[in-house]
N, C-alpha and C. Protein backbone atom coordinates (compact mmCIF):
# COMPACT_ATOMS: atom_id res chain seq x y z
N MET A 1 -141.08 -158.77 22.54
CA MET A 1 -142.35 -159.61 22.07
C MET A 1 -142.45 -160.94 23.04
N GLY A 2 -141.02 -161.24 23.76
CA GLY A 2 -140.90 -162.27 24.73
C GLY A 2 -142.50 -161.93 25.53
N LYS A 3 -142.97 -161.01 25.78
CA LYS A 3 -144.20 -160.99 26.82
C LYS A 3 -145.25 -161.55 26.08
N VAL A 4 -145.23 -161.19 24.90
CA VAL A 4 -146.59 -161.32 24.14
C VAL A 4 -146.31 -162.98 23.50
N SER A 5 -145.68 -163.39 23.54
CA SER A 5 -145.45 -164.86 23.13
C SER A 5 -145.56 -165.80 23.96
N SER A 6 -145.03 -165.42 25.26
CA SER A 6 -145.56 -166.31 26.57
C SER A 6 -146.78 -166.25 27.17
N LEU A 7 -147.33 -165.36 26.97
CA LEU A 7 -149.13 -164.94 27.26
C LEU A 7 -149.66 -165.56 26.01
N ILE A 8 -149.41 -165.85 24.88
CA ILE A 8 -150.32 -166.34 23.75
C ILE A 8 -150.46 -167.78 24.48
N ASN A 9 -149.60 -168.44 25.29
CA ASN A 9 -149.81 -169.63 25.61
C ASN A 9 -150.34 -170.03 26.64
N ILE A 10 -150.90 -168.99 27.47
CA ILE A 10 -151.37 -169.25 28.57
C ILE A 10 -152.93 -168.46 28.74
N ILE A 11 -153.59 -167.99 27.47
CA ILE A 11 -154.51 -167.32 27.58
C ILE A 11 -155.76 -168.10 27.65
N ARG A 12 -156.45 -167.82 28.79
CA ARG A 12 -157.49 -168.85 29.30
C ARG A 12 -158.87 -168.15 29.84
N GLN A 13 -158.50 -166.93 30.28
CA GLN A 13 -159.45 -165.85 31.20
C GLN A 13 -159.26 -164.81 30.45
N GLU A 14 -160.23 -163.97 30.97
CA GLU A 14 -160.19 -162.46 30.38
C GLU A 14 -158.97 -161.44 30.95
N ARG A 15 -158.69 -161.82 31.82
CA ARG A 15 -157.90 -161.04 32.51
C ARG A 15 -156.35 -161.44 31.56
N ASP A 16 -156.08 -162.59 30.89
CA ASP A 16 -154.87 -162.74 30.66
C ASP A 16 -155.05 -162.05 29.10
N ILE A 17 -156.22 -162.06 28.20
CA ILE A 17 -156.66 -161.50 27.36
C ILE A 17 -156.43 -159.80 27.39
N LEU A 18 -156.63 -159.45 28.40
CA LEU A 18 -156.29 -158.13 28.53
C LEU A 18 -155.33 -157.65 28.58
N LYS A 19 -154.27 -158.66 29.41
CA LYS A 19 -152.99 -158.13 29.24
C LYS A 19 -152.15 -158.13 28.20
N LEU A 20 -152.52 -159.05 27.31
CA LEU A 20 -152.15 -158.94 26.06
C LEU A 20 -152.77 -157.62 25.00
N ARG A 21 -153.90 -157.62 25.22
CA ARG A 21 -154.25 -156.38 24.40
C ARG A 21 -153.49 -155.35 24.81
N LYS A 22 -153.39 -155.08 26.11
CA LYS A 22 -152.70 -153.82 26.74
C LYS A 22 -151.43 -153.73 26.18
N LEU A 23 -150.79 -154.97 26.08
CA LEU A 23 -149.09 -154.55 25.44
C LEU A 23 -149.25 -154.37 23.85
N ASN A 24 -150.43 -154.64 23.33
CA ASN A 24 -150.39 -154.05 21.71
C ASN A 24 -150.67 -152.57 21.58
N ILE A 25 -150.90 -151.79 22.45
CA ILE A 25 -151.61 -150.64 22.53
C ILE A 25 -150.29 -149.64 22.35
N ASP A 26 -150.11 -148.96 20.93
CA ASP A 26 -149.37 -147.84 21.41
C ASP A 26 -148.69 -147.22 22.44
N SER A 27 -147.67 -146.94 22.96
CA SER A 27 -147.36 -145.99 23.94
C SER A 27 -147.71 -144.92 24.32
N PRO A 28 -147.89 -144.24 23.03
CA PRO A 28 -148.48 -142.41 23.47
C PRO A 28 -149.89 -142.57 23.95
N ILE A 29 -150.62 -143.76 23.47
CA ILE A 29 -152.09 -143.96 24.20
C ILE A 29 -152.29 -144.54 25.69
N TYR A 30 -152.43 -143.53 26.11
CA TYR A 30 -152.70 -143.57 27.78
C TYR A 30 -154.04 -144.75 28.19
N ILE A 31 -153.51 -145.51 28.92
CA ILE A 31 -154.46 -146.44 29.51
C ILE A 31 -154.35 -146.49 30.94
N PRO A 32 -155.69 -146.05 31.95
CA PRO A 32 -155.58 -146.16 33.07
C PRO A 32 -155.37 -147.47 33.85
N ASN A 33 -154.38 -147.70 34.88
CA ASN A 33 -154.13 -149.17 35.25
C ASN A 33 -155.70 -149.42 36.03
N GLU A 34 -156.88 -148.71 36.16
CA GLU A 34 -158.03 -149.15 36.87
C GLU A 34 -158.84 -150.15 36.01
N ILE A 35 -158.37 -150.17 34.76
CA ILE A 35 -159.25 -150.60 33.86
C ILE A 35 -158.89 -152.48 33.91
N ASN A 36 -160.04 -153.23 34.44
CA ASN A 36 -159.98 -154.35 34.53
C ASN A 36 -161.20 -155.41 33.59
N THR A 37 -161.36 -154.84 32.58
CA THR A 37 -161.94 -155.81 31.61
C THR A 37 -162.12 -155.24 30.15
N LEU A 38 -162.32 -156.13 29.14
CA LEU A 38 -162.12 -155.82 27.68
C LEU A 38 -163.29 -155.00 27.68
N ASN A 39 -164.38 -154.77 28.15
CA ASN A 39 -165.16 -153.80 27.97
C ASN A 39 -164.71 -152.64 28.47
N GLU A 40 -164.20 -152.37 29.12
CA GLU A 40 -163.53 -151.23 29.98
C GLU A 40 -162.26 -150.81 29.04
N LEU A 41 -161.68 -151.16 28.74
CA LEU A 41 -160.67 -151.03 27.77
C LEU A 41 -160.85 -150.35 26.25
N SER A 42 -162.07 -151.41 26.03
CA SER A 42 -162.76 -150.80 24.70
C SER A 42 -163.18 -149.40 24.70
N LYS A 43 -163.73 -149.13 25.96
CA LYS A 43 -164.36 -147.67 25.70
C LYS A 43 -163.15 -146.80 26.10
N ALA A 44 -162.35 -147.00 26.98
CA ALA A 44 -161.09 -146.09 27.17
C ALA A 44 -160.53 -145.99 25.66
N LEU A 45 -160.22 -146.96 25.11
CA LEU A 45 -159.64 -146.25 23.78
C LEU A 45 -160.55 -145.54 22.70
N LYS A 46 -161.61 -145.86 22.94
CA LYS A 46 -162.86 -145.03 21.89
C LYS A 46 -162.79 -143.74 22.50
N THR A 47 -162.50 -143.35 23.38
CA THR A 47 -162.77 -141.70 24.17
C THR A 47 -161.35 -141.68 23.58
N HIS A 48 -160.06 -141.98 23.22
CA HIS A 48 -158.96 -141.34 22.87
C HIS A 48 -158.84 -140.95 21.76
N SER A 49 -157.95 -139.64 21.73
CA SER A 49 -158.42 -138.60 20.52
C SER A 49 -158.03 -139.35 19.24
N THR A 50 -157.22 -140.21 19.15
CA THR A 50 -157.18 -140.84 17.76
C THR A 50 -158.04 -141.51 17.50
N PHE A 51 -159.11 -142.41 17.97
CA PHE A 51 -159.63 -143.33 17.56
C PHE A 51 -160.92 -142.89 16.52
N GLU A 52 -161.13 -141.24 16.61
CA GLU A 52 -161.97 -140.82 15.84
C GLU A 52 -161.30 -140.96 14.13
N ILE A 53 -159.87 -140.55 14.34
CA ILE A 53 -158.91 -140.47 13.16
C ILE A 53 -159.04 -141.71 12.48
N TYR A 54 -158.81 -143.08 13.29
CA TYR A 54 -158.62 -144.22 12.85
C TYR A 54 -159.83 -144.63 12.31
N LYS A 55 -160.93 -144.05 12.86
CA LYS A 55 -162.35 -144.63 12.11
C LYS A 55 -162.72 -144.15 10.95
N ASN A 56 -162.78 -142.54 10.83
CA ASN A 56 -162.92 -141.93 9.63
C ASN A 56 -162.04 -142.38 8.50
N CYS A 57 -160.37 -142.99 9.02
CA CYS A 57 -159.77 -143.50 7.80
C CYS A 57 -160.07 -144.92 7.25
N ARG A 58 -160.80 -145.82 8.10
CA ARG A 58 -161.25 -147.06 7.58
C ARG A 58 -162.68 -147.00 6.83
N MET A 59 -163.48 -145.72 7.47
CA MET A 59 -164.81 -145.37 6.57
C MET A 59 -164.52 -145.20 5.13
N TYR A 60 -163.24 -143.59 5.03
CA TYR A 60 -162.49 -143.39 3.48
C TYR A 60 -162.13 -144.57 3.02
N ARG A 61 -161.69 -145.69 3.21
CA ARG A 61 -161.34 -146.51 2.68
C ARG A 61 -162.54 -147.37 2.22
N LEU A 62 -163.22 -147.87 2.98
CA LEU A 62 -164.37 -148.43 2.55
C LEU A 62 -165.12 -147.26 1.47
N ASP A 63 -165.35 -146.06 1.40
CA ASP A 63 -165.96 -145.12 0.24
C ASP A 63 -165.09 -145.49 -1.10
N GLN A 64 -164.02 -145.83 -0.90
CA GLN A 64 -163.04 -145.89 -2.22
C GLN A 64 -162.87 -147.26 -2.83
N MET A 65 -163.44 -148.24 -2.14
CA MET A 65 -163.63 -149.76 -2.46
C MET A 65 -164.43 -149.93 -3.66
N SER A 66 -164.16 -150.54 -4.65
CA SER A 66 -164.85 -151.06 -5.60
C SER A 66 -164.93 -152.51 -6.10
N PHE A 67 -165.53 -153.11 -6.51
CA PHE A 67 -165.58 -154.45 -7.15
C PHE A 67 -165.63 -154.49 -8.64
N GLN A 68 -164.65 -155.13 -9.49
CA GLN A 68 -164.35 -155.05 -10.54
C GLN A 68 -164.70 -156.28 -11.31
N GLY A 69 -165.50 -157.01 -10.70
CA GLY A 69 -165.94 -158.09 -11.58
C GLY A 69 -165.11 -159.32 -11.96
N ASP A 70 -165.10 -159.60 -12.98
CA ASP A 70 -164.10 -160.84 -13.45
C ASP A 70 -162.96 -160.70 -13.07
N ASN A 71 -162.29 -159.11 -12.90
CA ASN A 71 -160.97 -159.25 -12.57
C ASN A 71 -160.39 -159.02 -11.09
N ASP A 72 -161.53 -159.25 -10.03
CA ASP A 72 -161.26 -159.20 -8.91
C ASP A 72 -161.67 -160.36 -8.20
N ASP A 73 -160.74 -160.87 -7.00
CA ASP A 73 -161.37 -162.26 -6.49
C ASP A 73 -162.43 -161.68 -5.70
N ALA A 74 -163.43 -162.18 -5.53
CA ALA A 74 -164.77 -161.92 -4.87
C ALA A 74 -164.26 -162.13 -3.60
N THR A 75 -163.85 -163.20 -2.95
CA THR A 75 -163.39 -163.74 -1.73
C THR A 75 -162.56 -162.98 -0.99
N LYS A 76 -161.51 -162.37 -1.66
CA LYS A 76 -160.65 -161.57 -1.00
C LYS A 76 -161.40 -159.95 -0.68
N PHE A 77 -162.06 -159.71 -1.75
CA PHE A 77 -162.77 -158.29 -1.67
C PHE A 77 -163.61 -158.31 -0.61
N LEU A 78 -164.60 -159.56 -0.38
CA LEU A 78 -165.14 -159.48 1.03
C LEU A 78 -164.57 -159.65 2.16
N VAL A 79 -163.72 -160.05 2.01
CA VAL A 79 -162.58 -160.29 3.29
C VAL A 79 -162.19 -159.05 3.64
N ASN A 80 -161.96 -158.23 3.07
CA ASN A 80 -161.40 -156.85 3.06
C ASN A 80 -162.39 -155.88 3.27
N PHE A 81 -163.63 -156.23 2.72
CA PHE A 81 -164.87 -155.14 2.96
C PHE A 81 -165.31 -155.50 4.59
N ARG A 82 -165.27 -157.04 4.91
CA ARG A 82 -166.19 -157.06 6.26
C ARG A 82 -164.53 -156.55 7.30
N SER A 83 -163.33 -156.59 6.85
CA SER A 83 -162.69 -156.03 7.96
C SER A 83 -162.46 -154.64 8.28
N LEU A 84 -162.99 -154.12 6.93
CA LEU A 84 -162.80 -152.40 7.01
C LEU A 84 -164.26 -152.01 7.89
N CYS A 85 -165.28 -152.90 7.45
CA CYS A 85 -166.45 -152.71 8.26
C CYS A 85 -166.71 -152.55 9.73
N PHE A 86 -165.65 -153.71 9.99
CA PHE A 86 -165.74 -153.97 11.71
C PHE A 86 -164.55 -153.09 12.27
N LYS A 87 -163.50 -152.38 11.44
CA LYS A 87 -162.51 -151.83 11.91
C LYS A 87 -163.31 -150.31 12.20
N SER A 88 -164.33 -149.84 11.08
CA SER A 88 -164.86 -148.50 11.22
C SER A 88 -166.33 -148.59 12.08
N GLU A 89 -166.36 -149.58 13.04
CA GLU A 89 -167.87 -149.99 13.83
C GLU A 89 -168.76 -150.28 13.02
N ASN A 90 -169.05 -150.14 11.41
CA ASN A 90 -169.79 -150.76 10.79
C ASN A 90 -170.55 -152.13 10.58
N TYR A 91 -170.38 -152.99 11.87
CA TYR A 91 -170.47 -154.36 11.58
C TYR A 91 -171.67 -154.93 12.09
N GLN A 92 -172.85 -154.18 11.73
CA GLN A 92 -174.27 -154.68 11.87
C GLN A 92 -174.55 -155.66 10.79
N PHE A 93 -173.69 -156.89 10.22
CA PHE A 93 -173.94 -157.98 9.64
C PHE A 93 -175.28 -158.67 9.94
N THR A 94 -176.12 -159.31 9.09
CA THR A 94 -177.12 -160.31 9.65
C THR A 94 -177.03 -161.30 8.82
N ARG A 95 -177.68 -162.53 9.22
CA ARG A 95 -177.51 -163.66 8.50
C ARG A 95 -179.00 -164.16 7.78
N ASP A 96 -179.21 -164.50 6.51
CA ASP A 96 -180.69 -164.76 6.22
C ASP A 96 -180.72 -165.94 6.25
């Protein structure tokens, strides 16, 4: 955790963000040393076998969500909904 907290204080450039993100990846997930950009990291993670499982789990949770009207907090529901959409790659939101 020491490396993470010290990096948080100096995040200024993409390479610093990349270092921080690499530190947060589970050790069983192999990330090649040649990855030098956030875009390359994203592509590498999406090719890992666990990505489809992760994405499908988020899609399942989205399918199971329901808003109960007066009994539910609308703001909390929308925050959870948008978070799951983003994590499952369903994030084509538009603003009117």
